[in-house]
Amino acid sequence: MWLVQYLDLMDSVPRAITSAIIKIIIWVIPVILLVKVIEKSNPISYLGLRHNFRKGLKWTGWVALAFISYFVILNLAVFKKNIDFQIGFNELLNTILLVGIIEEIVFRGFLLRKLLDSFRFWIANTITALLFVSIHFPIWFYKGLFELPYILSSIITAFVLGIIFGFVDKKSYSLWSVIIIHSLYNLLVSLFY
């Protein structure tokens, strides 16, 4: 049994790493180039990856506590679900670790900051949240989840998360806080669903 699991892991590792590299090439590198060429700024500073890490930890802690409480109460107490600790390498690397980094660099790090040049925060945050929802449509379609009522709750959840992530970014002035919260949320989804 352990040999089969080991061989499955060894087969999935190259695919997971390839997927991670492709995501970085498609999403992160263009953002870095846009910041360097168009904004003529240091990408680390522009994207909020250098600022207020400690202040961001306060916001990370409060939002993390809210997410953990929500998932524990809803899933363990209300729905009586068990926690599933069987997380594969691909899910750990791409869904939990990298998605938080990649999506937040694009949406809160770049798009929200760019939209704030032209709009007040709540308008810019709403536009960013709607764009954040839109990138999930192909995933939902691919996984066969594009049917009622699942799709409506997914759209609402992704939109609310986008608003929360933008708000935390604004309050903490640190993209790291949002990256950590996003990755934690994805971990909780993986553990409880």
C-alpha atoms as a PDB file:
ATOM      1  CA  MET A   1       0.000   0.000   0.000  1.00  0.00           C
ATOM      2  CA  TRP A   2       2.700   2.504   0.948  1.00  0.00           C
ATOM      3  CA  LEU A   3       4.587   1.671  -2.277  1.00  0.00           C
ATOM      4  CA  VAL A   4       1.550   2.531  -4.401  1.00  0.00           C
ATOM      5  CA  GLN A   5       1.132   5.825  -2.538  1.00  0.00           C
ATOM      6  CA  TYR A   6       4.850   6.586  -2.980  1.00  0.00           C
ATOM      7  CA  LEU A   7       4.695   5.843  -6.728  1.00  0.00           C
ATOM      8  CA  ASP A   8       1.579   8.013  -7.105  1.00  0.00           C
ATOM      9  CA  LEU A   9       3.376  10.835  -5.311  1.00  0.00           C
ATOM     10  CA  MET A  10       6.460  10.490  -7.527  1.00  0.00           C
ATOM     11  CA  ASP A  11       4.241  10.578 -10.617  1.00  0.00           C
ATOM     12  CA  SER A  12       2.362  13.677  -9.448  1.00  0.00           C
ATOM     13  CA  VAL A  13       5.410  15.716  -8.399  1.00  0.00           C
ATOM     14  CA  PRO A  14       6.610  16.580 -11.946  1.00  0.00           C
ATOM     15  CA  ARG A  15       3.058  17.518 -12.994  1.00  0.00           C
ATOM     16  CA  ALA A  16       2.610  19.686  -9.911  1.00  0.00           C
ATOM     17  CA  ILE A  17       5.922  21.470 -10.454  1.00  0.00           C
ATOM     18  CA  THR A  18       5.175  21.968 -14.161  1.00  0.00           C
ATOM     19  CA  SER A  19       1.789  23.437 -13.280  1.00  0.00           C
ATOM     20  CA  ALA A  20       3.422  25.769 -10.735  1.00  0.00           C
ATOM     21  CA  ILE A  21       5.999  26.972 -13.252  1.00  0.00           C
ATOM     22  CA  ILE A  22       3.320  27.617 -15.885  1.00  0.00           C
ATOM     23  CA  LYS A  23       1.228  29.639 -13.407  1.00  0.00           C
ATOM     24  CA  ILE A  24       4.228  31.758 -12.476  1.00  0.00           C
ATOM     25  CA  ILE A  25       5.106  32.360 -16.142  1.00  0.00           C
ATOM     26  CA  ILE A  26       1.536  33.259 -17.131  1.00  0.00           C
ATOM     27  CA  TRP A  27       0.535  35.328 -14.083  1.00  0.00           C
ATOM     28  CA  VAL A  28       3.481  36.650 -12.091  1.00  0.00           C
ATOM     29  CA  ILE A  29       6.175  37.406 -14.655  1.00  0.00           C
ATOM     30  CA  PRO A  30       3.890  39.671 -16.772  1.00  0.00           C
ATOM     31  CA  VAL A  31       2.922  41.616 -13.631  1.00  0.00           C
ATOM     32  CA  ILE A  32       6.566  42.067 -12.669  1.00  0.00           C
ATOM     33  CA  LEU A  33       7.376  43.267 -16.195  1.00  0.00           C
ATOM     34  CA  LEU A  34       4.410  45.683 -16.201  1.00  0.00           C
ATOM     35  CA  VAL A  35       5.523  47.166 -12.902  1.00  0.00           C
ATOM     36  CA  LYS A  36       9.119  47.538 -14.071  1.00  0.00           C
ATOM     37  CA  VAL A  37       8.363  48.880 -17.569  1.00  0.00           C
ATOM     38  CA  ILE A  38       5.115  50.848 -17.217  1.00  0.00           C
ATOM     39  CA  GLU A  39       5.207  51.892 -13.561  1.00  0.00           C
ATOM     40  CA  LYS A  40       9.007  52.167 -13.514  1.00  0.00           C
ATOM     41  CA  SER A  41       8.963  50.854  -9.952  1.00  0.00           C
ATOM     42  CA  ASN A  42      10.554  48.125  -7.935  1.00  0.00           C
ATOM     43  CA  PRO A  43       8.013  45.250  -8.132  1.00  0.00           C
ATOM     44  CA  ILE A  44       8.600  44.151  -4.531  1.00  0.00           C
ATOM     45  CA  SER A  45       7.769  47.638  -3.226  1.00  0.00           C
ATOM     46  CA  TYR A  46       4.979  48.398  -5.712  1.00  0.00           C
ATOM     47  CA  LEU A  47       3.165  45.141  -5.024  1.00  0.00           C
ATOM     48  CA  GLY A  48       3.247  45.691  -1.255  1.00  0.00           C
ATOM     49  CA  LEU A  49       5.612  42.834  -0.512  1.00  0.00           C
ATOM     50  CA  ARG A  50       8.102  44.967   1.406  1.00  0.00           C
ATOM     51  CA  HIS A  51       5.851  47.011   3.666  1.00  0.00           C
ATOM     52  CA  ASN A  52       4.239  46.643   7.092  1.00  0.00           C
ATOM     53  CA  PHE A  53       4.761  42.938   7.611  1.00  0.00           C
ATOM     54  CA  ARG A  54       4.227  43.267  11.383  1.00  0.00           C
ATOM     55  CA  LYS A  55       1.109  45.400  11.029  1.00  0.00           C
ATOM     56  CA  GLY A  56      -0.153  42.861   8.535  1.00  0.00           C
ATOM     57  CA  LEU A  57       0.232  40.073  11.088  1.00  0.00           C
ATOM     58  CA  LYS A  58      -2.447  41.693  13.272  1.00  0.00           C
ATOM     59  CA  TRP A  59      -4.922  41.656  10.395  1.00  0.00           C
ATOM     60  CA  THR A  60      -3.807  38.171   9.387  1.00  0.00           C
ATOM     61  CA  GLY A  61      -4.468  36.924  12.908  1.00  0.00           C
ATOM     62  CA  TRP A  62      -7.963  38.386  13.184  1.00  0.00           C
ATOM     63  CA  VAL A  63      -9.122  37.241   9.761  1.00  0.00           C
ATOM     64  CA  ALA A  64      -7.480  33.825  10.222  1.00  0.00           C
ATOM     65  CA  LEU A  65      -9.314  33.426  13.533  1.00  0.00           C
ATOM     66  CA  ALA A  66     -12.611  34.329  11.834  1.00  0.00           C
ATOM     67  CA  PHE A  67     -12.019  31.867   8.951  1.00  0.00           C
ATOM     68  CA  ILE A  68     -10.951  29.030  11.257  1.00  0.00           C
ATOM     69  CA  SER A  69     -13.925  29.643  13.558  1.00  0.00           C
ATOM     70  CA  TYR A  70     -16.309  29.718  10.611  1.00  0.00           C
ATOM     71  CA  PHE A  71     -14.979  26.467   9.134  1.00  0.00           C
ATOM     72  CA  VAL A  72     -14.804  24.628  12.453  1.00  0.00           C
ATOM     73  CA  ILE A  73     -18.271  25.688  13.625  1.00  0.00           C
ATOM     74  CA  LEU A  74     -19.946  25.173  10.258  1.00  0.00           C
ATOM     75  CA  ASN A  75     -18.299  21.892   9.322  1.00  0.00           C
ATOM     76  CA  LEU A  76     -17.686  20.134  12.623  1.00  0.00           C
ATOM     77  CA  ALA A  77     -20.611  21.393  14.695  1.00  0.00           C
ATOM     78  CA  VAL A  78     -23.354  22.038  12.126  1.00  0.00           C
ATOM     79  CA  PHE A  79     -22.667  19.599   9.259  1.00  0.00           C
ATOM     80  CA  LYS A  80     -20.806  17.020  11.388  1.00  0.00           C
ATOM     81  CA  LYS A  81     -18.088  16.640   8.735  1.00  0.00           C
ATOM     82  CA  ASN A  82     -14.677  15.224   9.456  1.00  0.00           C
ATOM     83  CA  ILE A  83     -11.399  16.892   8.642  1.00  0.00           C
ATOM     84  CA  ASP A  84      -9.638  15.190   5.736  1.00  0.00           C
ATOM     85  CA  PHE A  85      -5.868  15.490   6.122  1.00  0.00           C
ATOM     86  CA  GLN A  86      -5.213  13.664   2.829  1.00  0.00           C
ATOM     87  CA  ILE A  87      -3.786  16.549   0.827  1.00  0.00           C
ATOM     88  CA  GLY A  88      -1.741  15.605  -2.232  1.00  0.00           C
ATOM     89  CA  PHE A  89       1.468  17.313  -3.286  1.00  0.00           C
ATOM     90  CA  ASN A  90      -0.190  19.085  -6.229  1.00  0.00           C
ATOM     91  CA  GLU A  91      -2.958  20.478  -4.022  1.00  0.00           C
ATOM     92  CA  LEU A  92      -0.461  21.524  -1.361  1.00  0.00           C
ATOM     93  CA  LEU A  93       1.858  23.257  -3.831  1.00  0.00           C
ATOM     94  CA  ASN A  94      -0.572  24.725  -6.337  1.00  0.00           C
ATOM     95  CA  THR A  95      -3.864  25.210  -4.497  1.00  0.00           C
ATOM     96  CA  ILE A  96      -2.669  26.087  -1.014  1.00  0.00           C
ATOM     97  CA  LEU A  97       0.786  27.662  -1.343  1.00  0.00           C
ATOM     98  CA  LEU A  98       1.039  29.179  -4.821  1.00  0.00           C
ATOM     99  CA  VAL A  99      -2.527  30.267  -5.527  1.00  0.00           C
ATOM    100  CA  GLY A 100      -2.462  32.658  -2.589  1.00  0.00           C
ATOM    101  CA  ILE A 101       0.797  34.163  -3.794  1.00  0.00           C
ATOM    102  CA  ILE A 102      -0.001  34.277  -7.511  1.00  0.00           C
ATOM    103  CA  GLU A 103      -3.585  35.518  -7.311  1.00  0.00           C
ATOM    104  CA  GLU A 104      -2.793  38.142  -4.686  1.00  0.00           C
ATOM    105  CA  ILE A 105       0.168  39.509  -6.632  1.00  0.00           C
ATOM    106  CA  VAL A 106      -2.110  39.929  -9.646  1.00  0.00           C
ATOM    107  CA  PHE A 107      -5.346  41.078  -8.014  1.00  0.00           C
ATOM    108  CA  ARG A 108      -4.503  42.994  -4.841  1.00  0.00           C
ATOM    109  CA  GLY A 109      -0.839  43.667  -5.566  1.00  0.00           C
ATOM    110  CA  PHE A 110      -1.224  45.004  -9.089  1.00  0.00           C
ATOM    111  CA  LEU A 111      -4.836  45.448 -10.246  1.00  0.00           C
ATOM    112  CA  LEU A 112      -6.202  46.987  -7.052  1.00  0.00           C
ATOM    113  CA  ARG A 113      -3.257  49.364  -6.764  1.00  0.00           C
ATOM    114  CA  LYS A 114      -3.601  50.341 -10.429  1.00  0.00           C
ATOM    115  CA  LEU A 115      -7.369  50.885 -10.129  1.00  0.00           C
ATOM    116  CA  LEU A 116      -6.809  53.092  -7.075  1.00  0.00           C
ATOM    117  CA  ASP A 117      -5.123  55.574  -9.449  1.00  0.00           C
ATOM    118  CA  SER A 118      -8.555  56.215 -11.021  1.00  0.00           C
ATOM    119  CA  PHE A 119     -11.199  55.156  -8.489  1.00  0.00           C
ATOM    120  CA  ARG A 120     -12.053  55.429  -4.803  1.00  0.00           C
ATOM    121  CA  PHE A 121     -11.201  52.342  -2.758  1.00  0.00           C
ATOM    122  CA  TRP A 122     -14.622  50.670  -2.650  1.00  0.00           C
ATOM    123  CA  ILE A 123     -15.159  51.009  -6.396  1.00  0.00           C
ATOM    124  CA  ALA A 124     -11.644  49.732  -7.140  1.00  0.00           C
ATOM    125  CA  ASN A 125     -12.088  46.905  -4.635  1.00  0.00           C
ATOM    126  CA  THR A 126     -15.451  45.900  -6.144  1.00  0.00           C
ATOM    127  CA  ILE A 127     -13.999  45.836  -9.673  1.00  0.00           C
ATOM    128  CA  THR A 128     -11.053  43.768  -8.438  1.00  0.00           C
ATOM    129  CA  ALA A 129     -13.401  41.364  -6.623  1.00  0.00           C
ATOM    130  CA  LEU A 130     -15.497  40.921  -9.783  1.00  0.00           C
ATOM    131  CA  LEU A 131     -12.349  40.200 -11.804  1.00  0.00           C
ATOM    132  CA  PHE A 132     -11.285  37.772  -9.067  1.00  0.00           C
ATOM    133  CA  VAL A 133     -14.623  35.949  -9.469  1.00  0.00           C
ATOM    134  CA  SER A 134     -14.189  35.809 -13.237  1.00  0.00           C
ATOM    135  CA  ILE A 135     -10.913  33.878 -13.111  1.00  0.00           C
ATOM    136  CA  HIS A 136     -12.653  31.080 -11.213  1.00  0.00           C
ATOM    137  CA  PHE A 137     -15.216  30.384 -13.958  1.00  0.00           C
ATOM    138  CA  PRO A 138     -12.890  28.137 -16.002  1.00  0.00           C
ATOM    139  CA  ILE A 139     -12.030  26.117 -12.878  1.00  0.00           C
ATOM    140  CA  TRP A 140     -15.689  25.650 -11.957  1.00  0.00           C
ATOM    141  CA  PHE A 141     -16.537  24.715 -15.548  1.00  0.00           C
ATOM    142  CA  TYR A 142     -13.614  22.278 -15.808  1.00  0.00           C
ATOM    143  CA  LYS A 143     -14.543  20.561 -12.531  1.00  0.00           C
ATOM    144  CA  GLY A 144     -18.198  20.240 -13.585  1.00  0.00           C
ATOM    145  CA  LEU A 145     -19.357  22.601 -10.848  1.00  0.00           C
ATOM    146  CA  PHE A 146     -21.122  25.021 -13.158  1.00  0.00           C
ATOM    147  CA  GLU A 147     -24.659  24.165 -12.068  1.00  0.00           C
ATOM    148  CA  LEU A 148     -27.202  25.605  -9.686  1.00  0.00           C
ATOM    149  CA  PRO A 149     -27.124  26.122  -6.724  1.00  0.00           C
ATOM    150  CA  TYR A 150     -23.364  25.456  -6.440  1.00  0.00           C
ATOM    151  CA  ILE A 151     -22.348  28.102  -8.960  1.00  0.00           C
ATOM    152  CA  LEU A 152     -24.309  30.878  -7.207  1.00  0.00           C
ATOM    153  CA  SER A 153     -22.782  30.149  -3.811  1.00  0.00           C
ATOM    154  CA  SER A 154     -19.338  29.919  -5.429  1.00  0.00           C
ATOM    155  CA  ILE A 155     -19.725  33.289  -7.139  1.00  0.00           C
ATOM    156  CA  ILE A 156     -20.912  34.937  -3.931  1.00  0.00           C
ATOM    157  CA  THR A 157     -18.133  33.315  -1.877  1.00  0.00           C
ATOM    158  CA  ALA A 158     -15.385  34.338  -4.325  1.00  0.00           C
ATOM    159  CA  PHE A 159     -16.778  37.893  -4.505  1.00  0.00           C
ATOM    160  CA  VAL A 160     -16.982  38.270  -0.710  1.00  0.00           C
ATOM    161  CA  LEU A 161     -13.469  36.847  -0.349  1.00  0.00           C
ATOM    162  CA  GLY A 162     -12.225  39.324  -2.961  1.00  0.00           C
ATOM    163  CA  ILE A 163     -13.786  42.197  -0.995  1.00  0.00           C
ATOM    164  CA  ILE A 164     -12.293  40.918   2.279  1.00  0.00           C
ATOM    165  CA  PHE A 165      -8.841  40.432   0.748  1.00  0.00           C
ATOM    166  CA  GLY A 166      -8.909  43.971  -0.684  1.00  0.00           C
ATOM    167  CA  PHE A 167     -10.048  45.430   2.626  1.00  0.00           C
ATOM    168  CA  VAL A 168      -7.288  43.641   4.557  1.00  0.00           C
ATOM    169  CA  ASP A 169      -4.739  44.817   1.996  1.00  0.00           C
ATOM    170  CA  LYS A 170      -5.937  48.412   2.456  1.00  0.00           C
ATOM    171  CA  LYS A 171      -5.870  48.223   6.246  1.00  0.00           C
ATOM    172  CA  SER A 172      -2.558  46.393   6.612  1.00  0.00           C
ATOM    173  CA  TYR A 173      -0.640  47.987   3.714  1.00  0.00           C
ATOM    174  CA  SER A 174       0.960  44.560   3.303  1.00  0.00           C
ATOM    175  CA  LEU A 175       0.263  42.074   0.559  1.00  0.00           C
ATOM    176  CA  TRP A 176       1.784  39.354   2.756  1.00  0.00           C
ATOM    177  CA  SER A 177      -1.204  39.482   5.086  1.00  0.00           C
ATOM    178  CA  VAL A 178      -3.567  38.842   2.191  1.00  0.00           C
ATOM    179  CA  ILE A 179      -1.365  36.084   0.755  1.00  0.00           C
ATOM    180  CA  ILE A 180      -1.338  34.271   4.104  1.00  0.00           C
ATOM    181  CA  ILE A 181      -5.100  34.649   4.571  1.00  0.00           C
ATOM    182  CA  HIS A 182      -5.819  33.474   1.020  1.00  0.00           C
ATOM    183  CA  SER A 183      -3.585  30.416   1.450  1.00  0.00           C
ATOM    184  CA  LEU A 184      -5.162  29.649   4.831  1.00  0.00           C
ATOM    185  CA  TYR A 185      -8.642  29.843   3.310  1.00  0.00           C
ATOM    186  CA  ASN A 186      -7.615  27.415   0.554  1.00  0.00           C
ATOM    187  CA  LEU A 187      -6.119  25.072   3.177  1.00  0.00           C
ATOM    188  CA  LEU A 188      -9.362  25.116   5.164  1.00  0.00           C
ATOM    189  CA  VAL A 189     -11.377  24.362   2.022  1.00  0.00           C
ATOM    190  CA  SER A 190      -9.045  21.433   1.270  1.00  0.00           C
ATOM    191  CA  LEU A 191      -9.359  20.090   4.816  1.00  0.00           C
ATOM    192  CA  PHE A 192     -13.130  20.326   5.093  1.00  0.00           C
ATOM    193  CA  TYR A 193     -14.422  19.568   1.557  1.00  0.00           C
END
